[in-house]
Amino acid sequence: MAQGNEPKLNDSNRRFATTQWSMVRAVGGNDSAVAKSALQELCQIYWYPLYAYVRHQGYQSQTAADLTQAFFTDLLSRNDLTKVDPAHGKFRSFLIASLKHFLLNEWDKQQAQKRGGGRKILSFDFADADSRYRNEPAHANTSERIFEKQWALTLLDRTNRALRKEFENRGKTHQFEKLQIFLAGKSPESTMAMIAGQLNMTEVAVKVAVHRMRQRFGELLRGEIEKTVEHPGEIDGEIQHLFEVLSK
């Protein structure tokens, strides 16, 4: 194609051309290794929120683990992603709808193992999953609310890990560990002064560092959410929804 005939993309659209979920949706039924790799990364993000959903449906831990593994085996074996309802454009919405449909057809551990064929396409840390689930608040949450909360916490954890990694790469792990307290919100001036002393920095320098840290955290969080939506206009709404879920 001649250069003058190439479609013009703004920066936002160019980024979304390689976003995991938009890539998976675009490739759809084609057996693309790149698309499958993107789908596998998305599944790694969501396995625990889905496990928590299944546990809240009344399944015991081992059965829930088998069902979750079998669900992802089924999902990654299917080639019908082009048929996803555009109204469910977010990966989160697509995934929970698919899981509900899957559970309607899976009644016990034996069926789950049969559906999975004994193959584990993805490796999940189910050994830690049940202890995490038992720490969930005991009040009357619905399965959907548990899934949403764990979705939000998972994205925040991935964002925090990515930010820590950036500090580590710059040799500033100690600074990250001292400043991360400010990511949760405002802290008393006395705390700021104390940490400034511990880091051998002025309070002004600490305030600047905290401002930059929060700004970078926001950028990384947008990047995590960007993976799971199809259009850039959905990101702000997803961020708002994330914090609404955590405030309940």
C-alpha atoms as a PDB file:
ATOM      1  CA  MET A   1       0.000   0.000   0.000  1.00  0.00           C
ATOM      2  CA  ALA A   2       1.294   3.413  -0.867  1.00  0.00           C
ATOM      3  CA  GLN A   3       2.216   5.529   2.106  1.00  0.00           C
ATOM      4  CA  GLY A   4      -0.299   8.196   1.194  1.00  0.00           C
ATOM      5  CA  ASN A   5      -3.130   5.647   1.374  1.00  0.00           C
ATOM      6  CA  GLU A   6      -2.338   4.380   4.871  1.00  0.00           C
ATOM      7  CA  PRO A   7      -5.085   5.092   7.410  1.00  0.00           C
ATOM      8  CA  LYS A   8      -4.226   7.837   9.865  1.00  0.00           C
ATOM      9  CA  LEU A   9      -4.407   6.881  13.530  1.00  0.00           C
ATOM     10  CA  ASN A  10      -4.177   9.193  16.484  1.00  0.00           C
ATOM     11  CA  ASP A  11      -2.059   8.099  19.450  1.00  0.00           C
ATOM     12  CA  SER A  12      -5.040   6.704  21.348  1.00  0.00           C
ATOM     13  CA  ASN A  13      -6.273   4.562  18.456  1.00  0.00           C
ATOM     14  CA  ARG A  14      -2.740   3.371  17.736  1.00  0.00           C
ATOM     15  CA  ARG A  15      -2.418   2.106  21.314  1.00  0.00           C
ATOM     16  CA  PHE A  16      -5.759   0.350  21.120  1.00  0.00           C
ATOM     17  CA  ALA A  17      -4.745  -1.434  17.931  1.00  0.00           C
ATOM     18  CA  THR A  18      -2.545  -3.675  20.117  1.00  0.00           C
ATOM     19  CA  THR A  19      -4.632  -3.787  23.314  1.00  0.00           C
ATOM     20  CA  GLN A  20      -5.184  -7.366  24.464  1.00  0.00           C
ATOM     21  CA  TRP A  21      -8.979  -7.448  24.389  1.00  0.00           C
ATOM     22  CA  SER A  22      -9.366  -5.440  21.189  1.00  0.00           C
ATOM     23  CA  MET A  23      -6.759  -7.718  19.603  1.00  0.00           C
ATOM     24  CA  VAL A  24      -8.584 -10.861  20.721  1.00  0.00           C
ATOM     25  CA  ARG A  25     -11.911  -9.493  19.483  1.00  0.00           C
ATOM     26  CA  ALA A  26     -10.437  -8.433  16.158  1.00  0.00           C
ATOM     27  CA  VAL A  27      -8.826 -11.807  15.491  1.00  0.00           C
ATOM     28  CA  GLY A  28     -11.788 -13.730  16.853  1.00  0.00           C
ATOM     29  CA  GLY A  29     -12.104 -17.168  15.340  1.00  0.00           C
ATOM     30  CA  ASN A  30      -8.738 -17.104  13.618  1.00  0.00           C
ATOM     31  CA  ASP A  31      -6.116 -19.308  15.269  1.00  0.00           C
ATOM     32  CA  SER A  32      -3.630 -16.547  15.997  1.00  0.00           C
ATOM     33  CA  ALA A  33      -0.801 -17.274  18.440  1.00  0.00           C
ATOM     34  CA  VAL A  34      -0.582 -13.561  19.212  1.00  0.00           C
ATOM     35  CA  ALA A  35      -4.275 -13.302  20.008  1.00  0.00           C
ATOM     36  CA  LYS A  36      -4.176 -16.434  22.153  1.00  0.00           C
ATOM     37  CA  SER A  37      -1.220 -15.053  24.073  1.00  0.00           C
ATOM     38  CA  ALA A  38      -3.174 -11.843  24.704  1.00  0.00           C
ATOM     39  CA  LEU A  39      -6.195 -13.837  25.845  1.00  0.00           C
ATOM     40  CA  GLN A  40      -4.035 -15.900  28.187  1.00  0.00           C
ATOM     41  CA  GLU A  41      -2.673 -12.739  29.829  1.00  0.00           C
ATOM     42  CA  LEU A  42      -6.203 -11.462  30.357  1.00  0.00           C
ATOM     43  CA  CYS A  43      -7.151 -14.793  31.909  1.00  0.00           C
ATOM     44  CA  GLN A  44      -4.209 -14.553  34.312  1.00  0.00           C
ATOM     45  CA  ILE A  45      -5.608 -11.232  35.525  1.00  0.00           C
ATOM     46  CA  TYR A  46      -9.093 -12.606  36.142  1.00  0.00           C
ATOM     47  CA  TRP A  47      -8.654 -16.141  37.426  1.00  0.00           C
ATOM     48  CA  TYR A  48      -8.946 -15.294  41.127  1.00  0.00           C
ATOM     49  CA  PRO A  49     -12.016 -13.015  40.834  1.00  0.00           C
ATOM     50  CA  LEU A  50     -13.728 -15.845  38.940  1.00  0.00           C
ATOM     51  CA  TYR A  51     -12.598 -18.448  41.488  1.00  0.00           C
ATOM     52  CA  ALA A  52     -14.089 -16.282  44.266  1.00  0.00           C
ATOM     53  CA  TYR A  53     -17.334 -16.053  42.283  1.00  0.00           C
ATOM     54  CA  VAL A  54     -17.518 -19.847  41.944  1.00  0.00           C
ATOM     55  CA  ARG A  55     -16.757 -20.374  45.652  1.00  0.00           C
ATOM     56  CA  HIS A  56     -19.573 -17.993  46.574  1.00  0.00           C
ATOM     57  CA  GLN A  57     -21.916 -20.133  44.473  1.00  0.00           C
ATOM     58  CA  GLY A  58     -21.466 -22.831  47.131  1.00  0.00           C
ATOM     59  CA  TYR A  59     -18.756 -25.012  45.618  1.00  0.00           C
ATOM     60  CA  GLN A  60     -15.999 -26.345  47.863  1.00  0.00           C
ATOM     61  CA  SER A  61     -12.456 -25.130  47.235  1.00  0.00           C
ATOM     62  CA  GLN A  62     -11.196 -28.091  45.169  1.00  0.00           C
ATOM     63  CA  THR A  63     -14.339 -28.223  43.047  1.00  0.00           C
ATOM     64  CA  ALA A  64     -14.196 -24.462  42.520  1.00  0.00           C
ATOM     65  CA  ALA A  65     -10.562 -24.755  41.448  1.00  0.00           C
ATOM     66  CA  ASP A  66     -11.448 -27.541  38.994  1.00  0.00           C
ATOM     67  CA  LEU A  67     -14.367 -25.559  37.597  1.00  0.00           C
ATOM     68  CA  THR A  68     -12.292 -22.411  37.191  1.00  0.00           C
ATOM     69  CA  GLN A  69      -9.518 -24.314  35.423  1.00  0.00           C
ATOM     70  CA  ALA A  70     -12.050 -26.116  33.231  1.00  0.00           C
ATOM     71  CA  PHE A  71     -13.740 -22.828  32.345  1.00  0.00           C
ATOM     72  CA  PHE A  72     -10.496 -21.312  31.094  1.00  0.00           C
ATOM     73  CA  THR A  73      -9.631 -24.518  29.225  1.00  0.00           C
ATOM     74  CA  ASP A  74     -13.002 -24.281  27.523  1.00  0.00           C
ATOM     75  CA  LEU A  75     -12.613 -20.563  26.832  1.00  0.00           C
ATOM     76  CA  LEU A  76      -9.163 -20.914  25.307  1.00  0.00           C
ATOM     77  CA  SER A  77     -10.291 -23.860  23.203  1.00  0.00           C
ATOM     78  CA  ARG A  78     -13.198 -21.982  21.640  1.00  0.00           C
ATOM     79  CA  ASN A  79     -12.886 -19.983  18.432  1.00  0.00           C
ATOM     80  CA  ASP A  80     -16.129 -18.025  18.560  1.00  0.00           C
ATOM     81  CA  LEU A  81     -14.968 -14.737  20.063  1.00  0.00           C
ATOM     82  CA  THR A  82     -16.140 -12.832  16.990  1.00  0.00           C
ATOM     83  CA  LYS A  83     -19.669 -13.598  18.195  1.00  0.00           C
ATOM     84  CA  VAL A  84     -19.261 -11.638  21.433  1.00  0.00           C
ATOM     85  CA  ASP A  85     -22.159  -9.225  21.929  1.00  0.00           C
ATOM     86  CA  PRO A  86     -20.837  -5.670  21.300  1.00  0.00           C
ATOM     87  CA  ALA A  87     -22.915  -4.578  24.316  1.00  0.00           C
ATOM     88  CA  HIS A  88     -20.544  -6.703  26.402  1.00  0.00           C
ATOM     89  CA  GLY A  89     -17.463  -5.076  24.932  1.00  0.00           C
ATOM     90  CA  LYS A  90     -15.551  -5.074  28.200  1.00  0.00           C
ATOM     91  CA  PHE A  91     -13.642  -8.269  28.873  1.00  0.00           C
ATOM     92  CA  ARG A  92     -14.953  -8.216  32.447  1.00  0.00           C
ATOM     93  CA  SER A  93     -18.565  -8.309  31.233  1.00  0.00           C
ATOM     94  CA  PHE A  94     -17.843 -10.963  28.625  1.00  0.00           C
ATOM     95  CA  LEU A  95     -16.026 -13.152  31.134  1.00  0.00           C
ATOM     96  CA  ILE A  96     -18.652 -13.171  33.890  1.00  0.00           C
ATOM     97  CA  ALA A  97     -21.445 -13.834  31.376  1.00  0.00           C
ATOM     98  CA  SER A  98     -19.434 -16.726  29.919  1.00  0.00           C
ATOM     99  CA  LEU A  99     -18.757 -18.171  33.374  1.00  0.00           C
ATOM    100  CA  LYS A 100     -22.437 -18.075  34.333  1.00  0.00           C
ATOM    101  CA  HIS A 101     -23.303 -19.937  31.147  1.00  0.00           C
ATOM    102  CA  PHE A 102     -20.512 -22.431  31.776  1.00  0.00           C
ATOM    103  CA  LEU A 103     -21.654 -23.162  35.342  1.00  0.00           C
ATOM    104  CA  LEU A 104     -25.181 -23.899  34.154  1.00  0.00           C
ATOM    105  CA  ASN A 105     -23.715 -26.853  32.262  1.00  0.00           C
ATOM    106  CA  GLU A 106     -21.240 -28.031  34.929  1.00  0.00           C
ATOM    107  CA  TRP A 107     -22.703 -29.782  37.966  1.00  0.00           C
ATOM    108  CA  ASP A 108     -19.897 -31.534  39.790  1.00  0.00           C
ATOM    109  CA  LYS A 109     -16.164 -32.040  40.018  1.00  0.00           C
ATOM    110  CA  GLN A 110     -16.198 -35.073  37.706  1.00  0.00           C
ATOM    111  CA  GLN A 111     -17.844 -33.063  34.917  1.00  0.00           C
ATOM    112  CA  ALA A 112     -15.353 -30.254  35.411  1.00  0.00           C
ATOM    113  CA  GLN A 113     -12.405 -32.618  35.078  1.00  0.00           C
ATOM    114  CA  LYS A 114     -13.952 -34.225  32.017  1.00  0.00           C
ATOM    115  CA  ARG A 115     -14.549 -30.837  30.385  1.00  0.00           C
ATOM    116  CA  GLY A 116     -10.955 -29.855  31.025  1.00  0.00           C
ATOM    117  CA  GLY A 117      -9.729 -33.140  29.610  1.00  0.00           C
ATOM    118  CA  GLY A 118      -7.047 -33.281  32.302  1.00  0.00           C
ATOM    119  CA  ARG A 119      -5.125 -30.527  30.498  1.00  0.00           C
ATOM    120  CA  LYS A 120      -4.073 -27.350  32.275  1.00  0.00           C
ATOM    121  CA  ILE A 121      -3.625 -24.714  29.612  1.00  0.00           C
ATOM    122  CA  LEU A 122      -2.928 -22.057  32.240  1.00  0.00           C
ATOM    123  CA  SER A 123      -1.248 -22.386  35.621  1.00  0.00           C
ATOM    124  CA  PHE A 124      -3.030 -20.740  38.556  1.00  0.00           C
ATOM    125  CA  ASP A 125      -1.966 -20.606  42.214  1.00  0.00           C
ATOM    126  CA  PHE A 126      -5.024 -22.336  43.665  1.00  0.00           C
ATOM    127  CA  ALA A 127      -3.017 -23.332  46.753  1.00  0.00           C
ATOM    128  CA  ASP A 128      -3.295 -19.754  47.988  1.00  0.00           C
ATOM    129  CA  ALA A 129      -6.746 -19.053  46.566  1.00  0.00           C
ATOM    130  CA  ASP A 130      -8.892 -20.568  49.305  1.00  0.00           C
ATOM    131  CA  SER A 131      -7.063 -18.792  52.124  1.00  0.00           C
ATOM    132  CA  ARG A 132      -7.586 -15.539  50.242  1.00  0.00           C
ATOM    133  CA  TYR A 133     -11.266 -16.362  49.813  1.00  0.00           C
ATOM    134  CA  ARG A 134     -11.712 -17.136  53.511  1.00  0.00           C
ATOM    135  CA  ASN A 135     -10.501 -13.620  54.310  1.00  0.00           C
ATOM    136  CA  GLU A 136     -13.421 -12.131  52.388  1.00  0.00           C
ATOM    137  CA  PRO A 137     -15.867 -10.153  54.591  1.00  0.00           C
ATOM    138  CA  ALA A 138     -18.676 -12.355  55.882  1.00  0.00           C
ATOM    139  CA  HIS A 139     -21.454  -9.824  55.261  1.00  0.00           C
ATOM    140  CA  ALA A 140     -24.069 -10.440  52.599  1.00  0.00           C
ATOM    141  CA  ASN A 141     -22.152  -9.922  49.381  1.00  0.00           C
ATOM    142  CA  THR A 142     -23.538 -11.333  46.174  1.00  0.00           C
ATOM    143  CA  SER A 143     -21.310 -13.438  43.955  1.00  0.00           C
ATOM    144  CA  GLU A 144     -21.298 -10.584  41.450  1.00  0.00           C
ATOM    145  CA  ARG A 145     -20.116  -8.075  44.075  1.00  0.00           C
ATOM    146  CA  ILE A 146     -17.314 -10.406  45.160  1.00  0.00           C
ATOM    147  CA  PHE A 147     -16.215 -10.781  41.550  1.00  0.00           C
ATOM    148  CA  GLU A 148     -16.294  -7.005  41.017  1.00  0.00           C
ATOM    149  CA  LYS A 149     -14.362  -6.299  44.207  1.00  0.00           C
ATOM    150  CA  GLN A 150     -11.676  -8.844  43.387  1.00  0.00           C
ATOM    151  CA  TRP A 151     -11.453  -7.470  39.854  1.00  0.00           C
ATOM    152  CA  ALA A 152     -10.781  -4.016  41.328  1.00  0.00           C
ATOM    153  CA  LEU A 153      -8.267  -5.268  43.888  1.00  0.00           C
ATOM    154  CA  THR A 154      -6.459  -7.343  41.272  1.00  0.00           C
ATOM    155  CA  LEU A 155      -5.985  -4.338  38.985  1.00  0.00           C
ATOM    156  CA  LEU A 156      -4.755  -2.179  41.871  1.00  0.00           C
ATOM    157  CA  ASP A 157      -2.322  -4.915  42.950  1.00  0.00           C
ATOM    158  CA  ARG A 158      -0.963  -5.323  39.415  1.00  0.00           C
ATOM    159  CA  THR A 159      -0.573  -1.558  39.158  1.00  0.00           C
ATOM    160  CA  ASN A 160       1.242  -1.377  42.479  1.00  0.00           C
ATOM    161  CA  ARG A 161       3.574  -4.210  41.457  1.00  0.00           C
ATOM    162  CA  ALA A 162       4.371  -2.490  38.160  1.00  0.00           C
ATOM    163  CA  LEU A 163       5.111   0.770  39.952  1.00  0.00           C
ATOM    164  CA  ARG A 164       7.349  -0.972  42.488  1.00  0.00           C
ATOM    165  CA  LYS A 165       9.231  -2.606  39.612  1.00  0.00           C
ATOM    166  CA  GLU A 166       9.919   0.791  38.049  1.00  0.00           C
ATOM    167  CA  PHE A 167      11.326   2.084  41.346  1.00  0.00           C
ATOM    168  CA  GLU A 168      13.413  -1.070  41.755  1.00  0.00           C
ATOM    169  CA  ASN A 169      14.843  -0.632  38.266  1.00  0.00           C
ATOM    170  CA  ARG A 170      15.971   2.862  39.246  1.00  0.00           C
ATOM    171  CA  GLY A 171      17.505   1.631  42.493  1.00  0.00           C
ATOM    172  CA  LYS A 172      14.807   3.354  44.593  1.00  0.00           C
ATOM    173  CA  THR A 173      13.100   0.426  46.289  1.00  0.00           C
ATOM    174  CA  HIS A 174      13.547   1.977  49.748  1.00  0.00           C
ATOM    175  CA  GLN A 175      11.947   5.212  48.555  1.00  0.00           C
ATOM    176  CA  PHE A 176       8.979   3.307  47.140  1.00  0.00           C
ATOM    177  CA  GLU A 177       8.441   1.418  50.383  1.00  0.00           C
ATOM    178  CA  LYS A 178       8.403   4.670  52.348  1.00  0.00           C
ATOM    179  CA  LEU A 179       6.239   6.657  49.939  1.00  0.00           C
ATOM    180  CA  GLN A 180       3.647   4.060  48.976  1.00  0.00           C
ATOM    181  CA  ILE A 181       1.644   4.942  52.090  1.00  0.00           C
ATOM    182  CA  PHE A 182       0.667   8.155  50.307  1.00  0.00           C
ATOM    183  CA  LEU A 183      -0.939   6.272  47.406  1.00  0.00           C
ATOM    184  CA  ALA A 184      -3.938   5.537  49.610  1.00  0.00           C
ATOM    185  CA  GLY A 185      -4.704   9.236  50.073  1.00  0.00           C
ATOM    186  CA  LYS A 186      -3.645  12.203  52.133  1.00  0.00           C
ATOM    187  CA  SER A 187      -1.580  11.634  55.251  1.00  0.00           C
ATOM    188  CA  PRO A 188      -0.863  14.014  58.151  1.00  0.00           C
ATOM    189  CA  GLU A 189       1.909  16.572  57.649  1.00  0.00           C
ATOM    190  CA  SER A 190       3.717  14.942  60.559  1.00  0.00           C
ATOM    191  CA  THR A 191       3.942  11.715  58.541  1.00  0.00           C
ATOM    192  CA  MET A 192       5.330  13.624  55.574  1.00  0.00           C
ATOM    193  CA  ALA A 193       7.954  15.264  57.791  1.00  0.00           C
ATOM    194  CA  MET A 194       8.918  11.964  59.417  1.00  0.00           C
ATOM    195  CA  ILE A 195       9.392  10.190  56.085  1.00  0.00           C
ATOM    196  CA  ALA A 196      11.327  13.151  54.693  1.00  0.00           C
ATOM    197  CA  GLY A 197      13.781  12.692  57.558  1.00  0.00           C
ATOM    198  CA  GLN A 198      14.015   8.935  56.974  1.00  0.00           C
ATOM    199  CA  LEU A 199      14.780   9.492  53.285  1.00  0.00           C
ATOM    200  CA  ASN A 200      17.128  12.400  53.947  1.00  0.00           C
ATOM    201  CA  MET A 201      14.951  14.619  51.749  1.00  0.00           C
ATOM    202  CA  THR A 202      13.237  17.948  52.301  1.00  0.00           C
ATOM    203  CA  GLU A 203       9.470  17.956  52.776  1.00  0.00           C
ATOM    204  CA  VAL A 204       9.109  19.831  49.497  1.00  0.00           C
ATOM    205  CA  ALA A 205      11.104  17.143  47.692  1.00  0.00           C
ATOM    206  CA  VAL A 206       8.952  14.419  49.258  1.00  0.00           C
ATOM    207  CA  LYS A 207       5.760  16.207  48.180  1.00  0.00           C
ATOM    208  CA  VAL A 208       7.071  16.407  44.624  1.00  0.00           C
ATOM    209  CA  ALA A 209       8.038  12.729  44.693  1.00  0.00           C
ATOM    210  CA  VAL A 210       4.604  11.754  46.037  1.00  0.00           C
ATOM    211  CA  HIS A 211       2.867  13.831  43.354  1.00  0.00           C
ATOM    212  CA  ARG A 212       4.882  12.106  40.625  1.00  0.00           C
ATOM    213  CA  MET A 213       4.287   8.696  42.186  1.00  0.00           C
ATOM    214  CA  ARG A 214       0.529   9.220  42.252  1.00  0.00           C
ATOM    215  CA  GLN A 215       0.576  10.493  38.696  1.00  0.00           C
ATOM    216  CA  ARG A 216       2.529   7.459  37.493  1.00  0.00           C
ATOM    217  CA  PHE A 217       0.240   5.116  39.446  1.00  0.00           C
ATOM    218  CA  GLY A 218      -2.719   6.637  37.618  1.00  0.00           C
ATOM    219  CA  GLU A 219      -1.015   6.143  34.262  1.00  0.00           C
ATOM    220  CA  LEU A 220      -0.222   2.521  35.027  1.00  0.00           C
ATOM    221  CA  LEU A 221      -3.765   1.871  36.249  1.00  0.00           C
ATOM    222  CA  ARG A 222      -5.135   3.285  32.998  1.00  0.00           C
ATOM    223  CA  GLY A 223      -2.791   0.929  31.180  1.00  0.00           C
ATOM    224  CA  GLU A 224      -4.139  -2.070  33.100  1.00  0.00           C
ATOM    225  CA  ILE A 225      -7.739  -1.106  32.400  1.00  0.00           C
ATOM    226  CA  GLU A 226      -6.900  -0.343  28.791  1.00  0.00           C
ATOM    227  CA  LYS A 227      -6.137  -4.032  28.300  1.00  0.00           C
ATOM    228  CA  THR A 228      -9.683  -5.050  29.166  1.00  0.00           C
ATOM    229  CA  VAL A 229     -11.852  -2.606  27.208  1.00  0.00           C
ATOM    230  CA  GLU A 230     -12.384  -2.176  23.518  1.00  0.00           C
ATOM    231  CA  HIS A 231     -12.625   1.593  23.168  1.00  0.00           C
ATOM    232  CA  PRO A 232     -10.591   4.390  24.805  1.00  0.00           C
ATOM    233  CA  GLY A 233     -13.776   6.182  25.820  1.00  0.00           C
ATOM    234  CA  GLU A 234     -14.527   3.380  28.295  1.00  0.00           C
ATOM    235  CA  ILE A 235     -11.407   3.835  30.441  1.00  0.00           C
ATOM    236  CA  ASP A 236     -12.571   6.745  32.616  1.00  0.00           C
ATOM    237  CA  GLY A 237     -15.875   5.023  33.304  1.00  0.00           C
ATOM    238  CA  GLU A 238     -14.093   1.833  34.312  1.00  0.00           C
ATOM    239  CA  ILE A 239     -11.796   3.735  36.690  1.00  0.00           C
ATOM    240  CA  GLN A 240     -14.808   5.418  38.290  1.00  0.00           C
ATOM    241  CA  HIS A 241     -16.558   2.071  38.593  1.00  0.00           C
ATOM    242  CA  LEU A 242     -13.460   0.510  40.149  1.00  0.00           C
ATOM    243  CA  PHE A 243     -13.380   3.021  42.986  1.00  0.00           C
ATOM    244  CA  GLU A 244     -17.152   2.809  43.439  1.00  0.00           C
ATOM    245  CA  VAL A 245     -16.812  -0.961  43.892  1.00  0.00           C
ATOM    246  CA  LEU A 246     -14.095  -0.495  46.512  1.00  0.00           C
ATOM    247  CA  SER A 247     -16.115   2.085  48.431  1.00  0.00           C
ATOM    248  CA  LYS A 248     -19.070  -0.268  49.008  1.00  0.00           C
END
